[in-house]
Amino acid sequence: MGHSRCRAWARSANAASALCLLLASACTAHRPVPSSATPAPLDPIAELRRDIEAATHLRGVEQGVWGIVVQSLDRADRLFELNPRTLLVPASTAKLISVASAVDAVGWDYRFQTSLSVSGVIVDVEAAERSELGILKGDLLIRGSGDPSIGGRGGEDFSGWIDAIKSRGIRRIDGRVIGDDDALEEPRPALAWAWDDLGYTTGALFGALNFAENRTTVTVAPAGMAGQPAQLTGEPFAVGRPVINRVITGEPGSTQLIWPEQRPGEPAVSIAGSIPVGARPASLAIAVGNPTLWFASVLRSRLIAAGIPVTGPAADIDDLDRPLDPNEFAVIYVHRSKPLADIIKPLLKESINLYAEAVMRLNAPPEAFPTNDAALEGLRQRLTSWGLAPAGQQLVDGSGLSRRDVINTDTLVAVLRRMHDASGSSPWMAALPVAGVDGSLETRMRGTAAENNVRAKTGTMSNVRSLAGYVTTRDGERVAFATIVNNFEGIGADANQAIDAIAVRLAAFSRSTSGP
């Protein structure tokens, strides 16, 4: 998903229930009036096609570029298509490709591994401190492999790590906590990520070590007088993330607007905007910057809080004065993530970009160093092996955050058909947001035939909206669909309304009767 200025529109239940009336009005406007008093009977599929076409002419989306494919899974016939091979920016529906290809590469049971090693020796302390058992005279080293879930949604915190350290008799560390991210290429933005996304959590960098989705919180409080700089405070262990305060205290009752900016050429993140005099402190989630240093910093802080003092600093292995000798370190703990089947649930439900980047990286062949480019090449080879035309997509990242990503709806539906599970019990089906129920579709299509029916991945960026997934018609027929609209003239709410109208119409479709 793009940053908060491009948030998906959330409708009330009353607005959702009006979708069919809105679509019916649009269909009437585009349908010829019969010359006779008795209208000719309408073919249900022809009427469905007219209604979907009419939705693309609703207010705010008439000038947009649409790509739509609706495919019956039970009868294997195409119910509707519009520009099915036109390459469009998919936004977060690209995550479907990342997940499907990664599962094919490593399987649902794959687990990321992160190891904890020590250098030096554990020595007994003086008798007066013998209750503390021992001191590690050396460094603590964490080697990562790209696990996105540690400390995040669906992941585990550091409690197991701290227990493992204590079980080795370590009660103090006279050394550093070092993050080793060399199993992957250095964290960096993917190709053509917008610079103004990078300060937001949606633009958080992915690396070999990630904690809490590489996000932290800054609290912004107003000063006592208008015109003065606001007061910023951050999490105490968020070292290595310089912050520039560009927030001004506004007049009482003025508009509050605060945002993060990772400006090109500046190592620090700027917190900009205005907060009025007398306002309550505001919390702002931001990306952490260097994920490796962030991981080591948080672990060091948690160790100290758990009663294990650490005398040395947190460090990124790339910033050390001299290279480490791997032979000096002994592994004392290996953390294994939850299986991929569990990791993809928050990935798709909540559309977490960092999770998608990590999962897409699993496409890299075992013999290749897992760069983004190697993973993308593995993804392309996998799609080709499935019989999908290479010209059907040009993806450059795993999350869909890049505007260089393009795909056609033909390809999306082909992947949906491949991954469909008729029982609905597969991890893939369980991870998709459900209309009116959860995830990024929780507030959409409530009070309609699509509620608790449509299972689909959303996509949201400025002037880009998409939805791809499954719906069961009124007859019980299972359908896969993909809808993308780019460059529409209205606001995002207009595009969501049109896309939802299509999904609702499909849920109400019957081959035996006409009309929704």
Protein backbone atom coordinates (compact mmCIF):
# COMPACT_ATOMS: atom_id res chain seq x y z
CA MET A 1 0.00 0.00 0.00
CA GLY A 2 1.08 3.61 -0.49
CA HIS A 3 1.47 6.06 2.36
CA SER A 4 -1.33 7.45 4.52
CA ARG A 5 -2.25 10.15 2.04
CA CYS A 6 -3.38 7.30 -0.23
CA ARG A 7 -5.41 5.37 2.32
CA ALA A 8 -8.27 3.20 1.16
CA TRP A 9 -11.72 4.76 1.54
CA ALA A 10 -13.82 3.26 4.36
CA ARG A 11 -17.58 3.27 3.77
CA SER A 12 -20.40 2.95 6.25
CA ALA A 13 -22.78 -0.02 6.02
CA ASN A 14 -25.51 2.27 4.68
CA ALA A 15 -23.29 3.46 1.86
CA ALA A 16 -22.30 -0.09 0.97
CA SER A 17 -25.91 -1.23 0.82
CA ALA A 18 -26.58 1.53 -1.74
CA LEU A 19 -24.11 0.08 -4.25
CA CYS A 20 -26.71 -1.91 -6.15
CA LEU A 21 -28.96 1.14 -6.48
CA LEU A 22 -26.04 3.22 -7.74
CA LEU A 23 -25.07 0.57 -10.27
CA ALA A 24 -28.65 0.10 -11.40
CA SER A 25 -28.88 3.83 -12.06
CA ALA A 26 -25.67 3.77 -14.08
CA CYS A 27 -26.83 0.74 -16.05
CA THR A 28 -30.10 2.47 -16.91
CA ALA A 29 -28.20 5.48 -18.20
CA HIS A 30 -26.12 3.31 -20.57
CA ARG A 31 -28.83 0.90 -21.70
CA PRO A 32 -30.98 1.63 -24.78
CA VAL A 33 -34.68 2.11 -24.15
CA PRO A 34 -36.80 -0.58 -25.86
CA SER A 35 -39.14 0.73 -28.54
CA SER A 36 -41.99 -1.61 -27.58
CA ALA A 37 -43.97 -1.53 -24.36
CA THR A 38 -42.91 -5.09 -23.52
CA PRO A 39 -39.13 -5.29 -23.12
CA ALA A 40 -37.34 -8.22 -24.67
CA PRO A 41 -36.04 -10.78 -22.21
CA LEU A 42 -32.44 -10.16 -21.24
CA ASP A 43 -29.73 -12.80 -21.28
CA PRO A 44 -28.26 -12.91 -17.73
CA ILE A 45 -24.65 -12.98 -18.94
CA ALA A 46 -25.25 -10.14 -21.40
CA GLU A 47 -26.85 -8.12 -18.61
CA LEU A 48 -23.94 -8.86 -16.28
CA ARG A 49 -21.53 -7.59 -18.91
CA ARG A 50 -23.52 -4.41 -19.42
CA ASP A 51 -23.60 -3.79 -15.67
CA ILE A 52 -19.85 -4.28 -15.26
CA GLU A 53 -19.21 -2.00 -18.22
CA ALA A 54 -21.51 0.58 -16.67
CA ALA A 55 -19.54 0.49 -13.41
CA THR A 56 -16.46 1.65 -15.29
CA HIS A 57 -18.39 4.82 -16.24
CA LEU A 58 -19.40 5.79 -12.74
CA ARG A 59 -18.49 9.21 -11.37
CA GLY A 60 -14.79 9.75 -10.90
CA VAL A 61 -13.55 6.81 -12.98
CA GLU A 62 -14.82 7.47 -16.49
CA GLN A 63 -11.42 8.67 -17.68
CA GLY A 64 -9.47 5.90 -15.97
CA VAL A 65 -7.79 3.00 -17.74
CA TRP A 66 -9.47 -0.27 -16.74
CA GLY A 67 -8.38 -3.88 -16.88
CA ILE A 68 -10.97 -6.48 -15.86
CA VAL A 69 -11.22 -10.26 -16.15
CA VAL A 70 -14.03 -12.37 -14.67
CA GLN A 71 -13.52 -16.12 -15.02
CA SER A 72 -15.84 -18.92 -13.91
CA LEU A 73 -13.89 -21.57 -11.99
CA ASP A 74 -16.66 -24.14 -12.20
CA ARG A 75 -17.46 -23.85 -15.90
CA ALA A 76 -14.07 -22.57 -17.12
CA ASP A 77 -15.70 -19.88 -19.24
CA ARG A 78 -14.96 -16.17 -19.23
CA LEU A 79 -17.88 -14.09 -18.07
CA PHE A 80 -16.34 -10.70 -18.81
CA GLU A 81 -13.14 -9.05 -19.92
CA LEU A 82 -12.02 -5.49 -20.59
CA ASN A 83 -8.44 -4.79 -21.67
CA PRO A 84 -7.33 -8.15 -20.22
CA ARG A 85 -3.79 -7.89 -21.62
CA THR A 86 -3.19 -4.20 -20.94
CA LEU A 87 -0.30 -3.70 -18.51
CA LEU A 88 -1.41 -1.63 -15.53
CA VAL A 89 0.09 -0.62 -12.19
CA PRO A 90 -1.37 -3.20 -9.76
CA ALA A 91 -0.39 -1.71 -6.36
CA SER A 92 -0.69 -4.36 -3.65
CA THR A 93 -2.45 -6.99 -5.75
CA ALA A 94 1.15 -7.70 -6.89
CA LYS A 95 1.54 -9.41 -3.51
CA LEU A 96 -0.54 -12.30 -4.88
CA ILE A 97 2.25 -13.04 -7.37
CA SER A 98 4.93 -12.83 -4.68
CA VAL A 99 3.13 -15.26 -2.40
CA ALA A 100 2.10 -17.76 -5.09
CA SER A 101 5.61 -17.95 -6.55
CA ALA A 102 7.31 -18.20 -3.14
CA VAL A 103 5.05 -21.06 -2.11
CA ASP A 104 5.95 -22.86 -5.32
CA ALA A 105 9.64 -22.24 -4.57
CA VAL A 106 9.87 -23.33 -0.92
CA GLY A 107 6.49 -24.75 0.18
CA TRP A 108 4.02 -23.82 2.91
CA ASP A 109 6.20 -25.30 5.66
CA TYR A 110 9.24 -23.10 5.02
CA ARG A 111 10.64 -21.33 8.09
CA PHE A 112 13.15 -18.48 8.26
CA GLN A 113 16.09 -19.03 10.63
CA THR A 114 17.95 -16.45 12.71
CA SER A 115 20.94 -17.50 14.81
CA LEU A 116 22.42 -16.08 17.99
CA SER A 117 26.16 -16.60 18.54
CA VAL A 118 28.73 -15.55 21.13
CA SER A 119 32.45 -14.86 20.99
CA GLY A 120 34.83 -15.06 23.92
CA VAL A 121 34.20 -17.04 27.06
CA ILE A 122 31.67 -17.08 29.87
CA VAL A 123 33.51 -16.58 33.15
CA ASP A 124 32.41 -16.80 36.78
CA VAL A 125 32.12 -13.49 38.59
CA GLU A 126 33.55 -12.72 42.01
CA ALA A 127 31.98 -14.47 44.96
CA ALA A 128 30.05 -11.38 45.93
CA GLU A 129 28.25 -11.56 42.61
CA ARG A 130 28.05 -15.33 42.26
CA SER A 131 24.25 -15.20 42.20
CA GLU A 132 24.59 -13.70 38.71
CA LEU A 133 26.44 -16.83 37.56
CA GLY A 134 28.56 -15.46 34.70
CA ILE A 135 29.79 -12.74 32.41
CA LEU A 136 30.21 -13.06 28.64
CA LYS A 137 33.61 -11.57 27.84
CA GLY A 138 32.88 -11.01 24.18
CA ASP A 139 30.24 -10.04 21.62
CA LEU A 140 26.75 -11.25 20.86
CA LEU A 141 26.14 -11.76 17.13
CA ILE A 142 22.76 -12.12 15.40
CA ARG A 143 22.78 -13.57 11.89
CA GLY A 144 19.57 -13.08 9.91
CA SER A 145 18.11 -14.67 6.79
CA GLY A 146 15.26 -12.24 6.10
CA ASP A 147 12.58 -13.24 8.63
CA PRO A 148 10.04 -10.38 8.46
CA SER A 149 7.91 -11.52 11.39
CA ILE A 150 10.07 -11.17 14.53
CA GLY A 151 8.26 -8.76 16.82
CA GLY A 152 5.62 -8.10 14.16
CA ARG A 153 2.06 -9.14 13.43
CA GLY A 154 1.95 -12.90 13.59
CA GLY A 155 5.51 -13.13 14.94
CA GLU A 156 7.21 -13.69 18.27
CA ASP A 157 9.09 -11.27 20.50
CA PHE A 158 12.55 -11.67 22.09
CA SER A 159 11.47 -13.72 25.14
CA GLY A 160 12.85 -16.98 23.70
CA TRP A 161 16.13 -15.29 22.85
CA ILE A 162 16.57 -13.93 26.37
CA ASP A 163 15.70 -17.31 27.91
CA ALA A 164 18.33 -18.97 25.71
CA ILE A 165 20.98 -16.50 26.84
CA LYS A 166 20.09 -16.99 30.49
CA SER A 167 20.12 -20.77 30.08
CA ARG A 168 23.79 -20.49 29.10
CA GLY A 169 24.52 -18.86 32.43
CA ILE A 170 25.04 -15.39 30.98
CA ARG A 171 24.07 -12.62 33.35
CA ARG A 172 26.13 -9.81 31.87
CA ILE A 173 27.67 -9.08 28.46
CA ASP A 174 30.97 -7.25 28.36
CA GLY A 175 30.83 -6.66 24.64
CA ARG A 176 28.67 -5.52 21.77
CA VAL A 177 25.38 -6.68 20.26
CA ILE A 178 26.14 -6.97 16.53
CA GLY A 179 23.67 -7.45 13.72
CA ASP A 180 24.92 -9.53 10.78
CA ASP A 181 22.88 -8.91 7.61
CA ASP A 182 25.36 -10.36 5.11
CA ALA A 183 23.12 -13.27 4.09
CA LEU A 184 21.21 -10.83 1.86
CA GLU A 185 22.09 -7.72 -0.08
CA GLU A 186 22.12 -4.47 1.88
CA PRO A 187 18.70 -3.02 2.73
CA ARG A 188 17.66 -0.47 0.13
CA PRO A 189 14.52 0.87 -1.52
CA ALA A 190 13.31 -1.13 -4.50
CA LEU A 191 13.39 0.37 -7.99
CA ALA A 192 11.24 3.50 -8.38
CA TRP A 193 9.89 3.60 -4.85
CA ALA A 194 8.64 7.14 -4.30
CA TRP A 195 10.96 9.08 -1.98
CA ASP A 196 7.99 10.41 0.02
CA ASP A 197 6.97 6.84 0.92
CA LEU A 198 10.27 6.06 2.63
CA GLY A 199 9.62 7.84 5.93
CA TYR A 200 6.32 6.04 6.35
CA THR A 201 6.09 2.49 7.66
CA THR A 202 4.78 1.41 4.26
CA GLY A 203 8.21 2.29 2.86
CA ALA A 204 10.25 0.59 5.61
CA LEU A 205 13.34 -1.11 4.20
CA PHE A 206 13.61 -4.90 4.25
CA GLY A 207 16.83 -6.65 5.26
CA ALA A 208 18.27 -9.87 6.64
CA LEU A 209 17.31 -8.67 10.15
CA ASN A 210 13.91 -7.08 10.79
CA PHE A 211 12.13 -6.33 14.04
CA ALA A 212 8.56 -5.08 14.58
CA GLU A 213 8.23 -4.59 10.83
CA ASN A 214 11.03 -2.00 11.04
CA ARG A 215 8.73 0.61 12.44
CA THR A 216 9.04 2.86 15.47
CA THR A 217 6.98 5.64 17.04
CA VAL A 218 7.65 9.35 17.50
CA THR A 219 5.49 11.40 19.85
CA VAL A 220 4.81 15.01 18.88
CA ALA A 221 3.65 17.52 21.51
CA PRO A 222 2.93 21.24 20.98
CA ALA A 223 5.00 23.96 22.60
CA GLY A 224 3.37 26.59 24.80
CA MET A 225 3.23 29.28 22.13
CA ALA A 226 2.33 29.35 18.45
CA GLY A 227 5.33 29.57 16.14
CA GLN A 228 7.63 27.58 18.41
CA PRO A 229 9.02 24.17 17.40
CA ALA A 230 6.98 21.23 18.64
CA GLN A 231 8.54 18.73 21.06
CA LEU A 232 9.58 15.31 19.70
CA THR A 233 10.30 12.20 21.71
CA GLY A 234 11.12 8.73 20.39
CA GLU A 235 11.49 5.23 21.72
CA PRO A 236 14.58 5.16 23.96
CA PHE A 237 16.30 2.31 22.09
CA ALA A 238 15.78 3.76 18.61
CA VAL A 239 19.44 4.69 18.27
CA GLY A 240 21.03 5.35 14.91
CA ARG A 241 17.89 7.01 13.53
CA PRO A 242 18.57 10.78 13.49
CA VAL A 243 15.43 12.88 13.41
CA ILE A 244 15.03 16.47 12.20
CA ASN A 245 12.20 18.38 13.86
CA ARG A 246 10.30 20.45 11.31
CA VAL A 247 6.99 20.54 13.21
CA ILE A 248 5.74 23.98 14.19
CA THR A 249 3.23 24.74 16.94
CA GLY A 250 0.16 26.27 15.34
CA GLU A 251 -2.47 28.67 16.62
CA PRO A 252 -5.12 27.22 18.97
CA GLY A 253 -7.79 25.44 16.93
CA SER A 254 -5.69 25.31 13.78
CA THR A 255 -5.51 22.20 11.60
CA GLN A 256 -3.18 19.45 12.84
CA LEU A 257 -1.15 17.75 10.13
CA ILE A 258 2.06 15.82 10.80
CA TRP A 259 4.01 13.53 8.50
CA PRO A 260 7.47 11.92 8.13
CA GLU A 261 9.79 12.65 5.21
CA GLN A 262 12.94 10.80 4.22
CA ARG A 263 14.23 13.60 2.02
CA PRO A 264 16.67 12.68 -0.74
CA GLY A 265 20.27 13.31 0.34
CA GLU A 266 19.44 13.51 4.06
CA PRO A 267 20.41 10.62 6.36
CA ALA A 268 17.90 11.80 8.97
CA VAL A 269 14.14 11.50 8.78
CA SER A 270 12.21 14.76 9.02
CA ILE A 271 9.03 15.06 11.03
CA ALA A 272 7.16 17.95 9.42
CA GLY A 273 3.86 19.75 9.83
CA SER A 274 1.94 21.63 12.48
CA ILE A 275 0.22 20.84 15.78
CA PRO A 276 -1.96 23.46 17.51
CA VAL A 277 -1.33 24.92 20.95
CA GLY A 278 -3.11 22.85 23.60
CA ALA A 279 -3.50 19.74 21.46
CA ARG A 280 -2.90 16.32 22.92
CA PRO A 281 0.45 14.70 22.02
CA ALA A 282 0.21 12.81 18.73
CA SER A 283 1.89 9.49 17.94
CA LEU A 284 3.37 8.99 14.50
CA ALA A 285 4.63 5.63 13.22
CA ILE A 286 7.74 5.94 11.06
CA ALA A 287 10.23 3.67 9.32
CA VAL A 288 13.35 2.94 11.36
CA GLY A 289 16.00 3.55 8.70
CA ASN A 290 18.77 0.94 9.08
CA PRO A 291 16.93 -2.28 10.00
CA THR A 292 20.11 -4.10 11.07
CA LEU A 293 21.15 -1.49 13.63
CA TRP A 294 17.54 -1.21 14.74
CA PHE A 295 17.33 -4.97 15.40
CA ALA A 296 20.57 -5.00 17.42
CA SER A 297 19.51 -1.88 19.34
CA VAL A 298 16.17 -3.30 20.37
CA LEU A 299 17.68 -6.63 21.44
CA ARG A 300 20.32 -4.81 23.50
CA SER A 301 17.60 -2.74 25.17
CA ARG A 302 15.48 -5.81 25.92
CA LEU A 303 18.46 -7.63 27.43
CA ILE A 304 19.14 -4.74 29.76
CA ALA A 305 15.46 -4.55 30.73
CA ALA A 306 15.55 -8.30 31.49
CA GLY A 307 18.41 -7.81 33.96
CA ILE A 308 21.33 -8.63 31.64
CA PRO A 309 23.54 -5.53 31.44
CA VAL A 310 25.36 -4.96 28.13
CA THR A 311 28.44 -2.75 28.36
CA GLY A 312 29.09 -2.41 24.62
CA PRO A 313 26.98 -0.66 21.98
CA ALA A 314 24.62 -2.06 19.35
CA ALA A 315 26.28 -2.20 15.93
CA ASP A 316 25.75 -3.09 12.27
CA ILE A 317 28.40 -5.56 11.10
CA ASP A 318 29.14 -3.29 8.14
CA ASP A 319 30.16 -0.43 10.45
CA LEU A 320 32.79 -2.33 12.48
CA ASP A 321 36.42 -1.22 12.47
CA ARG A 322 37.67 -4.70 11.61
CA PRO A 323 36.06 -7.81 10.11
CA LEU A 324 34.78 -10.50 12.44
CA ASP A 325 36.24 -13.99 12.46
CA PRO A 326 33.36 -16.49 12.21
CA ASN A 327 35.52 -19.11 13.93
CA GLU A 328 35.44 -17.00 17.08
CA PHE A 329 31.67 -17.41 17.44
CA ALA A 330 29.64 -20.31 18.76
CA VAL A 331 25.90 -20.64 18.08
CA ILE A 332 23.86 -20.74 21.29
CA TYR A 333 20.35 -20.35 19.89
CA VAL A 334 18.51 -20.64 16.54
CA HIS A 335 15.15 -18.94 16.17
CA ARG A 336 12.83 -20.55 13.63
CA SER A 337 9.90 -18.49 12.39
CA LYS A 338 6.38 -19.72 12.04
CA PRO A 339 5.80 -21.54 8.75
CA LEU A 340 5.19 -19.58 5.59
CA ALA A 341 1.54 -20.68 5.76
CA ASP A 342 1.17 -18.52 8.89
CA ILE A 343 3.35 -15.62 7.74
CA ILE A 344 1.29 -14.93 4.63
CA LYS A 345 -1.89 -14.34 6.65
CA PRO A 346 -0.90 -10.90 8.01
CA LEU A 347 0.93 -10.27 4.72
CA LEU A 348 -2.25 -10.50 2.65
CA LYS A 349 -4.85 -9.52 5.25
CA GLU A 350 -3.05 -6.32 6.30
CA SER A 351 -1.03 -5.80 3.10
CA ILE A 352 2.35 -5.48 4.84
CA ASN A 353 4.93 -4.40 2.27
CA LEU A 354 7.95 -5.59 4.26
CA TYR A 355 6.50 -9.10 4.57
CA ALA A 356 5.92 -9.22 0.82
CA GLU A 357 9.49 -8.15 0.05
CA ALA A 358 10.81 -10.91 2.33
CA VAL A 359 8.56 -13.58 0.83
CA MET A 360 9.29 -12.61 -2.78
CA ARG A 361 13.02 -12.98 -2.02
CA LEU A 362 12.41 -16.73 -1.51
CA ASN A 363 12.22 -17.03 -5.30
CA ALA A 364 16.00 -16.70 -5.57
CA PRO A 365 17.54 -20.02 -6.69
CA PRO A 366 19.45 -21.89 -3.94
CA GLU A 367 22.74 -21.49 -5.81
CA ALA A 368 22.32 -17.71 -6.22
CA PHE A 369 23.01 -14.94 -3.73
CA PRO A 370 19.46 -13.81 -2.84
CA THR A 371 19.39 -10.33 -4.30
CA ASN A 372 16.16 -8.70 -5.38
CA ASP A 373 17.14 -9.21 -9.02
CA ALA A 374 17.89 -12.91 -8.51
CA ALA A 375 14.53 -13.39 -6.82
CA LEU A 376 12.70 -11.55 -9.61
CA GLU A 377 14.40 -13.75 -12.20
CA GLY A 378 13.31 -16.83 -10.25
CA LEU A 379 9.76 -15.43 -10.11
CA ARG A 380 9.71 -14.86 -13.88
CA GLN A 381 10.97 -18.36 -14.60
CA ARG A 382 8.31 -19.78 -12.30
CA LEU A 383 5.49 -17.91 -14.04
CA THR A 384 6.80 -19.05 -17.43
CA SER A 385 6.83 -22.66 -16.22
CA TRP A 386 3.15 -22.23 -15.32
CA GLY A 387 2.42 -21.33 -18.94
CA LEU A 388 2.02 -17.61 -18.36
CA ALA A 389 3.31 -15.24 -21.03
CA PRO A 390 6.38 -13.26 -19.91
CA ALA A 391 4.82 -10.16 -21.47
CA GLY A 392 1.99 -10.32 -18.93
CA GLN A 393 3.97 -8.70 -16.12
CA GLN A 394 6.98 -6.52 -15.39
CA LEU A 395 7.42 -6.59 -11.62
CA VAL A 396 10.38 -4.94 -9.94
CA ASP A 397 9.57 -5.58 -6.27
CA GLY A 398 7.57 -7.95 -4.10
CA SER A 399 5.09 -5.54 -2.54
CA GLY A 400 3.69 -3.53 -5.43
CA LEU A 401 4.92 -0.25 -3.92
CA SER A 402 6.87 0.64 -7.07
CA ARG A 403 5.12 2.47 -9.89
CA ARG A 404 7.40 0.58 -12.27
CA ASP A 405 5.38 -2.56 -11.47
CA VAL A 406 2.90 -3.46 -14.19
CA ILE A 407 0.78 -6.56 -14.76
CA ASN A 408 -2.33 -7.46 -16.71
CA THR A 409 -5.53 -8.88 -15.29
CA ASP A 410 -5.17 -12.00 -17.45
CA THR A 411 -2.05 -12.94 -15.50
CA LEU A 412 -3.63 -12.19 -12.11
CA VAL A 413 -6.62 -14.40 -12.86
CA ALA A 414 -4.38 -17.19 -14.15
CA VAL A 415 -2.53 -17.17 -10.82
CA LEU A 416 -5.83 -17.08 -8.92
CA ARG A 417 -7.03 -20.12 -10.87
CA ARG A 418 -3.82 -22.00 -10.11
CA MET A 419 -3.99 -21.25 -6.39
CA HIS A 420 -7.73 -21.77 -5.91
CA ASP A 421 -8.79 -24.36 -3.37
CA ALA A 422 -12.40 -25.46 -3.69
CA SER A 423 -12.59 -26.40 -0.01
CA GLY A 424 -11.53 -22.90 1.01
CA SER A 425 -9.25 -24.33 3.70
CA SER A 426 -5.82 -23.78 2.15
CA PRO A 427 -3.48 -21.16 3.66
CA TRP A 428 -3.91 -19.13 0.47
CA MET A 429 -7.68 -18.92 0.76
CA ALA A 430 -7.57 -18.31 4.53
CA ALA A 431 -5.13 -15.40 4.14
CA LEU A 432 -7.21 -13.33 1.72
CA PRO A 433 -9.22 -10.43 3.19
CA VAL A 434 -12.96 -11.12 3.43
CA ALA A 435 -15.42 -8.40 2.42
CA GLY A 436 -17.07 -6.75 5.40
CA VAL A 437 -15.20 -9.01 7.82
CA ASP A 438 -11.44 -8.48 8.13
CA GLY A 439 -8.19 -7.13 6.78
CA SER A 440 -8.19 -4.40 4.16
CA LEU A 441 -11.80 -5.29 3.21
CA GLU A 442 -13.20 -5.08 6.74
CA THR A 443 -15.28 -1.95 6.11
CA ARG A 444 -16.14 -2.56 2.47
CA MET A 445 -19.26 -4.10 0.88
CA ARG A 446 -21.09 -4.51 4.17
CA GLY A 447 -24.80 -5.18 3.87
CA THR A 448 -24.45 -6.57 0.32
CA ALA A 449 -24.34 -10.01 -1.29
CA ALA A 450 -20.54 -9.69 -1.28
CA GLU A 451 -20.25 -9.47 2.52
CA ASN A 452 -18.55 -12.57 3.95
CA ASN A 453 -18.39 -13.86 0.39
CA VAL A 454 -15.74 -11.99 -1.60
CA ARG A 455 -12.17 -13.05 -0.69
CA ALA A 456 -9.76 -10.73 -2.43
CA LYS A 457 -6.54 -8.73 -2.23
CA THR A 458 -6.82 -4.98 -2.41
CA GLY A 459 -4.42 -2.51 -4.01
CA THR A 460 -4.17 1.17 -3.12
CA MET A 461 -1.92 3.96 -4.42
CA SER A 462 -2.54 7.49 -5.65
CA ASN A 463 -4.75 7.16 -8.76
CA VAL A 464 -4.47 3.36 -8.60
CA ARG A 465 -7.06 0.98 -7.16
CA SER A 466 -7.31 -2.78 -7.65
CA LEU A 467 -9.07 -5.87 -6.32
CA ALA A 468 -8.37 -9.49 -7.24
CA GLY A 469 -9.75 -12.67 -5.74
CA TYR A 470 -12.81 -14.88 -5.57
CA VAL A 471 -16.58 -14.60 -5.24
CA THR A 472 -19.44 -17.11 -5.15
CA THR A 473 -22.48 -16.13 -7.20
CA ARG A 474 -26.11 -16.43 -6.16
CA ASP A 475 -26.20 -19.83 -7.89
CA GLY A 476 -23.18 -21.06 -5.93
CA GLU A 477 -20.87 -20.73 -8.92
CA ARG A 478 -17.26 -19.97 -7.99
CA VAL A 479 -15.64 -17.11 -9.89
CA ALA A 480 -12.14 -15.60 -10.00
CA PHE A 481 -11.86 -11.93 -10.89
CA ALA A 482 -9.26 -9.18 -11.21
CA THR A 483 -10.03 -5.48 -11.52
CA ILE A 484 -7.48 -2.68 -11.89
CA VAL A 485 -8.10 0.98 -12.64
CA ASN A 486 -5.28 3.49 -13.22
CA ASN A 487 -5.23 7.25 -13.80
CA PHE A 488 -8.83 7.91 -12.82
CA GLU A 489 -9.92 11.53 -12.48
CA GLY A 490 -11.79 11.32 -9.18
CA ILE A 491 -10.83 10.50 -5.60
CA GLY A 492 -9.93 7.05 -4.32
CA ALA A 493 -13.40 6.62 -2.84
CA ASP A 494 -14.89 6.86 -6.34
CA ALA A 495 -12.65 4.07 -7.63
CA ASN A 496 -13.33 1.83 -4.64
CA GLN A 497 -17.05 2.38 -5.10
CA ALA A 498 -16.90 1.32 -8.74
CA ILE A 499 -14.73 -1.72 -8.02
CA ASP A 500 -16.97 -2.77 -5.14
CA ALA A 501 -20.04 -2.37 -7.34
CA ILE A 502 -18.53 -4.92 -9.73
CA ALA A 503 -17.78 -7.38 -6.91
CA VAL A 504 -21.28 -6.97 -5.48
CA ARG A 505 -22.81 -7.52 -8.90
CA LEU A 506 -20.86 -10.75 -9.30
CA ALA A 507 -22.03 -11.96 -5.90
CA ALA A 508 -25.64 -11.34 -6.95
CA PHE A 509 -25.24 -12.87 -10.42
CA SER A 510 -27.38 -15.82 -11.47
CA ARG A 511 -27.30 -17.58 -14.83
CA SER A 512 -30.97 -18.41 -14.53
CA THR A 513 -32.33 -14.92 -13.83
CA SER A 514 -31.44 -11.40 -14.88
CA GLY A 515 -30.71 -8.42 -12.65
CA PRO A 516 -28.88 -8.15 -9.33
